Amino acid sequence: MAKKTSYESPRPPSVTKQEGLRRMKVYLERGNALLASRPIKQGQQEVWTESCLTLIKEVFGSDSNHLNNFIGPITIGVLYDGAGPDPSALEHGDAETIQTGCSYLEAMIAQLESEIGLGPVPVVIPTADAFWADIHPEIARVAKPRYVAAHYADSVEAALKELNSIIKAHVKRTQNQELDGAPLMLKAFSPTTPFIKLEDLSTETGRNIQQGYMHLYAGAMIGIRNPKAHANITIDAKRARHHLYLASLLAQCFDERLA
């Protein structure tokens, strides 16, 4: 699990307090959902914790004491039975980690709500910087240079190729399967046998959300990425921003996955 290191240059907050508050509440809800649906499966705690650590850096900066406090309680000893780790002890440790992490999230949420409530009501003026601050960092990294150069279709194509690459690498690493494009998305986000679970599939609502996002991921590859990759398509800046928001949403949903 990644921790701050002495050679990492401090980075300031990269999202607004309002956005940080919204996303922190999402992670708190996901943590509580994991606890409510125990036993916690192997890997779920690590995914959730890594997402929380990334968010804390984005909200408070990479040298925030909040990050240190959150890192502290996630290292929990593993009990051994002589033959190896006891699975029940591992699961119990994961649950304690998530429970403690949820408590820290609640404290940070309270702080953000207080700071937002005491501060002046912000006047929101749409700017280029505000747009890119809303976009998932990995999507912005590949799309922004092309967008700024007025290569709008190229910026969208690059964003969706990056989304595809992120999910493709995850499936290759966790499932040892080499897939791409729409077939990758249909298999990875299947509502019955998913490689990547976005919601609690024991409920009808969770299955509907999983299936809906599966079609969004696959549709983005078929209807947006592929035509731009295989044809000389021109779009304007406004349409490009709409597509980039979609790519950013799908990248963020992947980051917030349950497993």
C-alpha atoms as a PDB file:
ATOM      1  CA  MET A   1       0.000   0.000   0.000  1.00  0.00           C
ATOM      2  CA  ALA A   2       1.402   3.345  -1.041  1.00  0.00           C
ATOM      3  CA  LYS A   3       2.519   5.720   1.689  1.00  0.00           C
ATOM      4  CA  LYS A   4       4.060   9.152   1.587  1.00  0.00           C
ATOM      5  CA  THR A   5       7.793   9.110   1.201  1.00  0.00           C
ATOM      6  CA  SER A   6      10.420  11.660   2.143  1.00  0.00           C
ATOM      7  CA  TYR A   7      11.281  12.377  -1.483  1.00  0.00           C
ATOM      8  CA  GLU A   8       7.710  13.146  -2.568  1.00  0.00           C
ATOM      9  CA  SER A   9       7.333  16.859  -3.282  1.00  0.00           C
ATOM     10  CA  PRO A  10       4.401  18.328  -1.333  1.00  0.00           C
ATOM     11  CA  ARG A  11       1.407  19.062  -3.541  1.00  0.00           C
ATOM     12  CA  PRO A  12      -1.353  21.551  -2.653  1.00  0.00           C
ATOM     13  CA  PRO A  13      -5.056  20.672  -2.746  1.00  0.00           C
ATOM     14  CA  SER A  14      -6.292  20.056  -6.282  1.00  0.00           C
ATOM     15  CA  VAL A  15     -10.081  20.035  -5.744  1.00  0.00           C
ATOM     16  CA  THR A  16     -12.457  22.489  -4.105  1.00  0.00           C
ATOM     17  CA  LYS A  17     -13.718  21.895  -0.580  1.00  0.00           C
ATOM     18  CA  GLN A  18     -17.233  21.484  -1.957  1.00  0.00           C
ATOM     19  CA  GLU A  19     -16.131  18.758  -4.379  1.00  0.00           C
ATOM     20  CA  GLY A  20     -13.977  17.130  -1.718  1.00  0.00           C
ATOM     21  CA  LEU A  21     -16.932  17.071   0.675  1.00  0.00           C
ATOM     22  CA  ARG A  22     -19.167  15.455  -1.933  1.00  0.00           C
ATOM     23  CA  ARG A  23     -16.656  12.744  -2.805  1.00  0.00           C
ATOM     24  CA  MET A  24     -15.723  12.108   0.821  1.00  0.00           C
ATOM     25  CA  LYS A  25     -19.375  11.400   1.586  1.00  0.00           C
ATOM     26  CA  VAL A  26     -19.409   8.905  -1.313  1.00  0.00           C
ATOM     27  CA  TYR A  27     -16.383   7.080   0.105  1.00  0.00           C
ATOM     28  CA  LEU A  28     -17.904   7.069   3.589  1.00  0.00           C
ATOM     29  CA  GLU A  29     -21.071   5.537   2.169  1.00  0.00           C
ATOM     30  CA  ARG A  30     -19.037   2.890   0.332  1.00  0.00           C
ATOM     31  CA  GLY A  31     -17.051   2.069   3.466  1.00  0.00           C
ATOM     32  CA  ASN A  32     -20.219   1.631   5.499  1.00  0.00           C
ATOM     33  CA  ALA A  33     -21.688  -0.510   2.715  1.00  0.00           C
ATOM     34  CA  LEU A  34     -18.674  -2.823   2.857  1.00  0.00           C
ATOM     35  CA  LEU A  35     -19.088  -3.177   6.609  1.00  0.00           C
ATOM     36  CA  ALA A  36     -22.802  -3.855   6.252  1.00  0.00           C
ATOM     37  CA  SER A  37     -22.227  -6.628   3.700  1.00  0.00           C
ATOM     38  CA  ARG A  38     -19.515  -8.561   5.567  1.00  0.00           C
ATOM     39  CA  PRO A  39     -17.583 -10.760   5.143  1.00  0.00           C
ATOM     40  CA  ILE A  40     -15.293  -8.351   3.320  1.00  0.00           C
ATOM     41  CA  LYS A  41     -13.700  -9.951   0.288  1.00  0.00           C
ATOM     42  CA  GLN A  42      -9.961  -9.985  -0.214  1.00  0.00           C
ATOM     43  CA  GLY A  43      -8.753  -6.791  -1.855  1.00  0.00           C
ATOM     44  CA  GLN A  44     -11.819  -4.663  -1.139  1.00  0.00           C
ATOM     45  CA  GLN A  45     -10.234  -2.942   1.844  1.00  0.00           C
ATOM     46  CA  GLU A  46      -7.068  -2.131  -0.112  1.00  0.00           C
ATOM     47  CA  VAL A  47      -9.025  -0.605  -3.013  1.00  0.00           C
ATOM     48  CA  TRP A  48     -11.186   1.471  -0.670  1.00  0.00           C
ATOM     49  CA  THR A  49      -8.241   2.657   1.411  1.00  0.00           C
ATOM     50  CA  GLU A  50      -6.135   3.632  -1.610  1.00  0.00           C
ATOM     51  CA  SER A  51      -9.064   5.644  -2.999  1.00  0.00           C
ATOM     52  CA  CYS A  52      -9.487   7.437   0.334  1.00  0.00           C
ATOM     53  CA  LEU A  53      -5.771   8.262   0.546  1.00  0.00           C
ATOM     54  CA  THR A  54      -5.812   9.698  -2.971  1.00  0.00           C
ATOM     55  CA  LEU A  55      -8.855  11.807  -2.149  1.00  0.00           C
ATOM     56  CA  ILE A  56      -7.344  13.132   1.091  1.00  0.00           C
ATOM     57  CA  LYS A  57      -4.295  14.293  -0.871  1.00  0.00           C
ATOM     58  CA  GLU A  58      -6.523  16.015  -3.414  1.00  0.00           C
ATOM     59  CA  VAL A  59      -8.628  17.757  -0.753  1.00  0.00           C
ATOM     60  CA  PHE A  60      -6.043  18.713   1.862  1.00  0.00           C
ATOM     61  CA  GLY A  61      -2.697  18.428   0.060  1.00  0.00           C
ATOM     62  CA  SER A  62      -0.086  15.682   0.105  1.00  0.00           C
ATOM     63  CA  ASP A  63       1.570  16.920   3.317  1.00  0.00           C
ATOM     64  CA  SER A  64      -1.644  17.141   5.348  1.00  0.00           C
ATOM     65  CA  ASN A  65      -1.777  15.706   8.862  1.00  0.00           C
ATOM     66  CA  HIS A  66      -5.079  14.120   7.840  1.00  0.00           C
ATOM     67  CA  LEU A  67      -3.123  11.866   5.505  1.00  0.00           C
ATOM     68  CA  ASN A  68      -0.751  10.821   8.274  1.00  0.00           C
ATOM     69  CA  ASN A  69      -3.639  10.131  10.648  1.00  0.00           C
ATOM     70  CA  PHE A  70      -5.444   8.035   8.056  1.00  0.00           C
ATOM     71  CA  ILE A  71      -2.312   6.060   7.176  1.00  0.00           C
ATOM     72  CA  GLY A  72      -1.605   5.340  10.844  1.00  0.00           C
ATOM     73  CA  PRO A  73      -4.602   3.117  11.690  1.00  0.00           C
ATOM     74  CA  ILE A  74      -4.619   1.128   8.452  1.00  0.00           C
ATOM     75  CA  THR A  75      -1.590  -0.972   9.413  1.00  0.00           C
ATOM     76  CA  ILE A  76      -3.104  -3.821  11.416  1.00  0.00           C
ATOM     77  CA  GLY A  77      -1.259  -6.931  12.550  1.00  0.00           C
ATOM     78  CA  VAL A  78      -2.113 -10.293  11.012  1.00  0.00           C
ATOM     79  CA  LEU A  79      -2.754 -13.260  13.253  1.00  0.00           C
ATOM     80  CA  TYR A  80      -1.152 -16.572  12.327  1.00  0.00           C
ATOM     81  CA  ASP A  81      -2.330 -20.077  13.140  1.00  0.00           C
ATOM     82  CA  GLY A  82       1.022 -21.744  12.458  1.00  0.00           C
ATOM     83  CA  ALA A  83       0.234 -22.665   8.838  1.00  0.00           C
ATOM     84  CA  GLY A  84      -0.257 -19.119   7.567  1.00  0.00           C
ATOM     85  CA  PRO A  85      -2.542 -16.127   7.921  1.00  0.00           C
ATOM     86  CA  ASP A  86      -5.906 -16.910   9.460  1.00  0.00           C
ATOM     87  CA  PRO A  87      -8.538 -15.843   6.859  1.00  0.00           C
ATOM     88  CA  SER A  88     -11.011 -14.855   9.565  1.00  0.00           C
ATOM     89  CA  ALA A  89      -8.348 -12.718  11.250  1.00  0.00           C
ATOM     90  CA  LEU A  90      -7.507 -11.081   7.921  1.00  0.00           C
ATOM     91  CA  GLU A  91     -11.170 -10.299   7.293  1.00  0.00           C
ATOM     92  CA  HIS A  92     -11.563  -8.946  10.829  1.00  0.00           C
ATOM     93  CA  GLY A  93      -8.497  -6.755  10.335  1.00  0.00           C
ATOM     94  CA  ASP A  94      -9.885  -5.410   7.054  1.00  0.00           C
ATOM     95  CA  ALA A  95     -13.170  -4.592   8.775  1.00  0.00           C
ATOM     96  CA  GLU A  96     -11.389  -2.758  11.594  1.00  0.00           C
ATOM     97  CA  THR A  97      -9.348  -0.812   9.055  1.00  0.00           C
ATOM     98  CA  ILE A  98     -12.463   0.300   7.183  1.00  0.00           C
ATOM     99  CA  GLN A  99     -14.344   1.098  10.386  1.00  0.00           C
ATOM    100  CA  THR A 100     -11.483   3.253  11.680  1.00  0.00           C
ATOM    101  CA  GLY A 101     -11.126   4.889   8.279  1.00  0.00           C
ATOM    102  CA  CYS A 102     -14.837   5.732   8.240  1.00  0.00           C
ATOM    103  CA  SER A 103     -14.438   7.471  11.605  1.00  0.00           C
ATOM    104  CA  TYR A 104     -11.659   9.637  10.164  1.00  0.00           C
ATOM    105  CA  LEU A 105     -13.768  10.392   7.097  1.00  0.00           C
ATOM    106  CA  GLU A 106     -16.611  11.536   9.349  1.00  0.00           C
ATOM    107  CA  ALA A 107     -14.237  13.886  11.159  1.00  0.00           C
ATOM    108  CA  MET A 108     -12.913  15.319   7.907  1.00  0.00           C
ATOM    109  CA  ILE A 109     -16.444  15.708   6.546  1.00  0.00           C
ATOM    110  CA  ALA A 110     -17.419  17.654   9.687  1.00  0.00           C
ATOM    111  CA  GLN A 111     -14.375  19.895   9.239  1.00  0.00           C
ATOM    112  CA  LEU A 112     -15.185  20.595   5.584  1.00  0.00           C
ATOM    113  CA  GLU A 113     -18.830  21.305   6.357  1.00  0.00           C
ATOM    114  CA  SER A 114     -17.765  23.748   9.060  1.00  0.00           C
ATOM    115  CA  GLU A 115     -15.247  25.500   6.826  1.00  0.00           C
ATOM    116  CA  ILE A 116     -17.688  25.762   3.934  1.00  0.00           C
ATOM    117  CA  GLY A 117     -20.444  27.015   6.232  1.00  0.00           C
ATOM    118  CA  LEU A 118     -18.266  29.680   7.888  1.00  0.00           C
ATOM    119  CA  GLY A 119     -16.726  30.929   4.674  1.00  0.00           C
ATOM    120  CA  PRO A 120     -18.288  33.347   2.177  1.00  0.00           C
ATOM    121  CA  VAL A 121     -20.622  31.966  -0.453  1.00  0.00           C
ATOM    122  CA  PRO A 122     -18.390  31.436  -3.477  1.00  0.00           C
ATOM    123  CA  VAL A 123     -19.197  33.113  -6.753  1.00  0.00           C
ATOM    124  CA  VAL A 124     -18.777  30.438  -9.393  1.00  0.00           C
ATOM    125  CA  ILE A 125     -17.353  31.812 -12.619  1.00  0.00           C
ATOM    126  CA  PRO A 126     -16.738  29.162 -15.253  1.00  0.00           C
ATOM    127  CA  THR A 127     -13.105  29.235 -16.362  1.00  0.00           C
ATOM    128  CA  ALA A 128     -10.754  26.895 -18.176  1.00  0.00           C
ATOM    129  CA  ASP A 129      -9.001  26.128 -14.899  1.00  0.00           C
ATOM    130  CA  ALA A 130     -12.322  25.295 -13.229  1.00  0.00           C
ATOM    131  CA  PHE A 131     -13.179  22.893 -16.045  1.00  0.00           C
ATOM    132  CA  TRP A 132      -9.907  20.980 -15.784  1.00  0.00           C
ATOM    133  CA  ALA A 133     -10.157  20.916 -11.987  1.00  0.00           C
ATOM    134  CA  ASP A 134     -13.387  18.931 -12.450  1.00  0.00           C
ATOM    135  CA  ILE A 135     -11.775  16.388 -14.770  1.00  0.00           C
ATOM    136  CA  HIS A 136     -10.186  13.179 -13.474  1.00  0.00           C
ATOM    137  CA  PRO A 137      -6.388  13.736 -13.267  1.00  0.00           C
ATOM    138  CA  GLU A 138      -5.449  10.926 -15.670  1.00  0.00           C
ATOM    139  CA  ILE A 139      -7.997  12.079 -18.229  1.00  0.00           C
ATOM    140  CA  ALA A 140      -6.843  15.688 -17.919  1.00  0.00           C
ATOM    141  CA  ARG A 141      -3.199  14.658 -18.297  1.00  0.00           C
ATOM    142  CA  VAL A 142      -3.693  13.244 -21.784  1.00  0.00           C
ATOM    143  CA  ALA A 143      -6.578  15.413 -23.004  1.00  0.00           C
ATOM    144  CA  LYS A 144      -5.669  18.928 -21.860  1.00  0.00           C
ATOM    145  CA  PRO A 145      -2.623  19.537 -24.124  1.00  0.00           C
ATOM    146  CA  ARG A 146      -4.627  18.500 -27.186  1.00  0.00           C
ATOM    147  CA  TYR A 147      -7.686  20.503 -26.143  1.00  0.00           C
ATOM    148  CA  VAL A 148      -5.619  23.649 -25.478  1.00  0.00           C
ATOM    149  CA  ALA A 149      -4.102  23.253 -28.956  1.00  0.00           C
ATOM    150  CA  ALA A 150      -7.688  23.195 -30.330  1.00  0.00           C
ATOM    151  CA  HIS A 151      -7.397  19.536 -31.371  1.00  0.00           C
ATOM    152  CA  TYR A 152     -10.761  18.772 -29.801  1.00  0.00           C
ATOM    153  CA  ALA A 153     -11.505  15.412 -31.399  1.00  0.00           C
ATOM    154  CA  ASP A 154      -7.971  14.248 -30.600  1.00  0.00           C
ATOM    155  CA  SER A 155      -8.402  15.265 -26.956  1.00  0.00           C
ATOM    156  CA  VAL A 156     -11.545  13.137 -26.652  1.00  0.00           C
ATOM    157  CA  GLU A 157      -9.935  10.180 -28.413  1.00  0.00           C
ATOM    158  CA  ALA A 158      -6.903  10.400 -26.098  1.00  0.00           C
ATOM    159  CA  ALA A 159      -9.168  10.554 -23.026  1.00  0.00           C
ATOM    160  CA  LEU A 160     -11.094   7.428 -23.973  1.00  0.00           C
ATOM    161  CA  LYS A 161      -7.954   5.572 -24.971  1.00  0.00           C
ATOM    162  CA  GLU A 162      -6.550   6.365 -21.532  1.00  0.00           C
ATOM    163  CA  LEU A 163      -9.744   5.133 -19.866  1.00  0.00           C
ATOM    164  CA  ASN A 164      -9.526   1.938 -21.904  1.00  0.00           C
ATOM    165  CA  SER A 165      -5.839   1.498 -20.981  1.00  0.00           C
ATOM    166  CA  ILE A 166      -6.509   1.920 -17.252  1.00  0.00           C
ATOM    167  CA  ILE A 167      -9.259  -0.705 -17.231  1.00  0.00           C
ATOM    168  CA  LYS A 168      -7.383  -3.006 -19.628  1.00  0.00           C
ATOM    169  CA  ALA A 169      -4.308  -2.989 -17.365  1.00  0.00           C
ATOM    170  CA  HIS A 170      -6.446  -3.713 -14.299  1.00  0.00           C
ATOM    171  CA  VAL A 171      -8.143  -6.699 -15.966  1.00  0.00           C
ATOM    172  CA  LYS A 172      -4.816  -8.004 -17.264  1.00  0.00           C
ATOM    173  CA  ARG A 173      -3.288  -7.716 -13.789  1.00  0.00           C
ATOM    174  CA  THR A 174      -6.190  -9.200 -11.829  1.00  0.00           C
ATOM    175  CA  GLN A 175      -7.695 -11.677 -14.328  1.00  0.00           C
ATOM    176  CA  ASN A 176      -4.797 -12.332 -16.716  1.00  0.00           C
ATOM    177  CA  GLN A 177      -7.104 -11.669 -19.648  1.00  0.00           C
ATOM    178  CA  GLU A 178      -6.207  -9.515 -22.657  1.00  0.00           C
ATOM    179  CA  LEU A 179      -9.315  -7.599 -23.749  1.00  0.00           C
ATOM    180  CA  ASP A 180      -9.936  -4.233 -25.373  1.00  0.00           C
ATOM    181  CA  GLY A 181     -12.662  -1.739 -26.180  1.00  0.00           C
ATOM    182  CA  ALA A 182     -16.319  -2.685 -25.905  1.00  0.00           C
ATOM    183  CA  PRO A 183     -15.680  -6.430 -25.303  1.00  0.00           C
ATOM    184  CA  LEU A 184     -13.443  -5.427 -22.398  1.00  0.00           C
ATOM    185  CA  MET A 185     -16.119  -3.207 -20.888  1.00  0.00           C
ATOM    186  CA  LEU A 186     -18.943  -5.703 -21.346  1.00  0.00           C
ATOM    187  CA  LYS A 187     -16.969  -8.410 -19.582  1.00  0.00           C
ATOM    188  CA  ALA A 188     -15.338  -6.243 -16.909  1.00  0.00           C
ATOM    189  CA  PHE A 189     -18.593  -4.600 -15.790  1.00  0.00           C
ATOM    190  CA  SER A 190     -20.974  -7.520 -16.349  1.00  0.00           C
ATOM    191  CA  PRO A 191     -23.887  -7.359 -13.876  1.00  0.00           C
ATOM    192  CA  THR A 192     -23.700 -11.142 -13.321  1.00  0.00           C
ATOM    193  CA  THR A 193     -19.977 -12.059 -13.325  1.00  0.00           C
ATOM    194  CA  PRO A 194     -18.037  -8.778 -13.199  1.00  0.00           C
ATOM    195  CA  PHE A 195     -14.291  -8.361 -12.939  1.00  0.00           C
ATOM    196  CA  ILE A 196     -14.974  -4.863 -11.609  1.00  0.00           C
ATOM    197  CA  LYS A 197     -17.880  -4.378  -9.213  1.00  0.00           C
ATOM    198  CA  LEU A 198     -19.261  -0.861  -8.905  1.00  0.00           C
ATOM    199  CA  GLU A 199     -22.211  -1.557  -6.601  1.00  0.00           C
ATOM    200  CA  ASP A 200     -23.670  -4.182  -4.259  1.00  0.00           C
ATOM    201  CA  LEU A 201     -24.961  -6.793  -6.697  1.00  0.00           C
ATOM    202  CA  SER A 202     -27.086  -8.494  -4.058  1.00  0.00           C
ATOM    203  CA  THR A 203     -29.707  -5.771  -4.591  1.00  0.00           C
ATOM    204  CA  GLU A 204     -31.766  -5.008  -7.686  1.00  0.00           C
ATOM    205  CA  THR A 205     -30.691  -1.362  -7.539  1.00  0.00           C
ATOM    206  CA  GLY A 206     -27.036  -2.377  -7.459  1.00  0.00           C
ATOM    207  CA  ARG A 207     -27.471  -4.718 -10.420  1.00  0.00           C
ATOM    208  CA  ASN A 208     -29.280  -2.011 -12.400  1.00  0.00           C
ATOM    209  CA  ILE A 209     -26.511   0.485 -11.731  1.00  0.00           C
ATOM    210  CA  GLN A 210     -23.850  -2.070 -12.662  1.00  0.00           C
ATOM    211  CA  GLN A 211     -25.625  -2.896 -15.927  1.00  0.00           C
ATOM    212  CA  GLY A 212     -26.260   0.750 -16.763  1.00  0.00           C
ATOM    213  CA  TYR A 213     -22.629   1.706 -16.314  1.00  0.00           C
ATOM    214  CA  MET A 214     -21.518  -1.356 -18.270  1.00  0.00           C
ATOM    215  CA  HIS A 215     -23.428   0.045 -21.251  1.00  0.00           C
ATOM    216  CA  LEU A 216     -21.989   3.527 -20.668  1.00  0.00           C
ATOM    217  CA  TYR A 217     -18.432   2.178 -20.692  1.00  0.00           C
ATOM    218  CA  ALA A 218     -19.041   0.027 -23.761  1.00  0.00           C
ATOM    219  CA  GLY A 219     -21.034   2.747 -25.516  1.00  0.00           C
ATOM    220  CA  ALA A 220     -18.256   5.276 -25.006  1.00  0.00           C
ATOM    221  CA  MET A 221     -15.871   2.914 -26.785  1.00  0.00           C
ATOM    222  CA  ILE A 222     -18.255   2.093 -29.651  1.00  0.00           C
ATOM    223  CA  GLY A 223     -19.927   5.444 -30.203  1.00  0.00           C
ATOM    224  CA  ILE A 224     -17.207   7.947 -29.321  1.00  0.00           C
ATOM    225  CA  ARG A 225     -13.702   6.444 -29.227  1.00  0.00           C
ATOM    226  CA  ASN A 226     -13.894   4.154 -32.248  1.00  0.00           C
ATOM    227  CA  PRO A 227     -15.368   6.658 -34.746  1.00  0.00           C
ATOM    228  CA  LYS A 228     -12.753   9.254 -33.780  1.00  0.00           C
ATOM    229  CA  ALA A 229      -9.977   6.700 -34.104  1.00  0.00           C
ATOM    230  CA  HIS A 230     -11.067   5.513 -37.559  1.00  0.00           C
ATOM    231  CA  ALA A 231     -12.442   8.645 -39.223  1.00  0.00           C
ATOM    232  CA  ASN A 232     -11.511  12.294 -39.643  1.00  0.00           C
ATOM    233  CA  ILE A 233     -14.200  13.677 -37.335  1.00  0.00           C
ATOM    234  CA  THR A 234     -14.297  17.339 -36.313  1.00  0.00           C
ATOM    235  CA  ILE A 235     -16.046  18.531 -33.161  1.00  0.00           C
ATOM    236  CA  ASP A 236     -16.161  21.894 -31.429  1.00  0.00           C
ATOM    237  CA  ALA A 237     -14.888  22.793 -27.963  1.00  0.00           C
ATOM    238  CA  LYS A 238     -18.307  22.509 -26.327  1.00  0.00           C
ATOM    239  CA  ARG A 239     -18.952  18.997 -27.624  1.00  0.00           C
ATOM    240  CA  ALA A 240     -15.427  17.992 -26.612  1.00  0.00           C
ATOM    241  CA  ARG A 241     -16.057  19.166 -23.045  1.00  0.00           C
ATOM    242  CA  HIS A 242     -19.218  17.070 -22.888  1.00  0.00           C
ATOM    243  CA  HIS A 243     -17.283  13.980 -23.987  1.00  0.00           C
ATOM    244  CA  LEU A 244     -14.452  14.715 -21.558  1.00  0.00           C
ATOM    245  CA  TYR A 245     -16.906  14.987 -18.676  1.00  0.00           C
ATOM    246  CA  LEU A 246     -18.194  11.518 -19.594  1.00  0.00           C
ATOM    247  CA  ALA A 247     -14.664  10.073 -19.745  1.00  0.00           C
ATOM    248  CA  SER A 248     -13.898  11.699 -16.393  1.00  0.00           C
ATOM    249  CA  LEU A 249     -17.058  10.290 -14.799  1.00  0.00           C
ATOM    250  CA  LEU A 250     -16.233   6.778 -15.954  1.00  0.00           C
ATOM    251  CA  ALA A 251     -12.643   7.059 -14.726  1.00  0.00           C
ATOM    252  CA  GLN A 252     -13.883   8.301 -11.351  1.00  0.00           C
ATOM    253  CA  CYS A 253     -16.409   5.462 -11.071  1.00  0.00           C
ATOM    254  CA  PHE A 254     -13.600   2.986 -11.716  1.00  0.00           C
ATOM    255  CA  ASP A 255     -11.554   4.603  -8.916  1.00  0.00           C
ATOM    256  CA  GLU A 256     -14.528   4.262  -6.554  1.00  0.00           C
ATOM    257  CA  ARG A 257     -15.193   0.597  -7.401  1.00  0.00           C
ATOM    258  CA  LEU A 258     -16.076  -1.833  -4.645  1.00  0.00           C
ATOM    259  CA  ALA A 259     -13.843  -4.568  -6.038  1.00  0.00           C
END
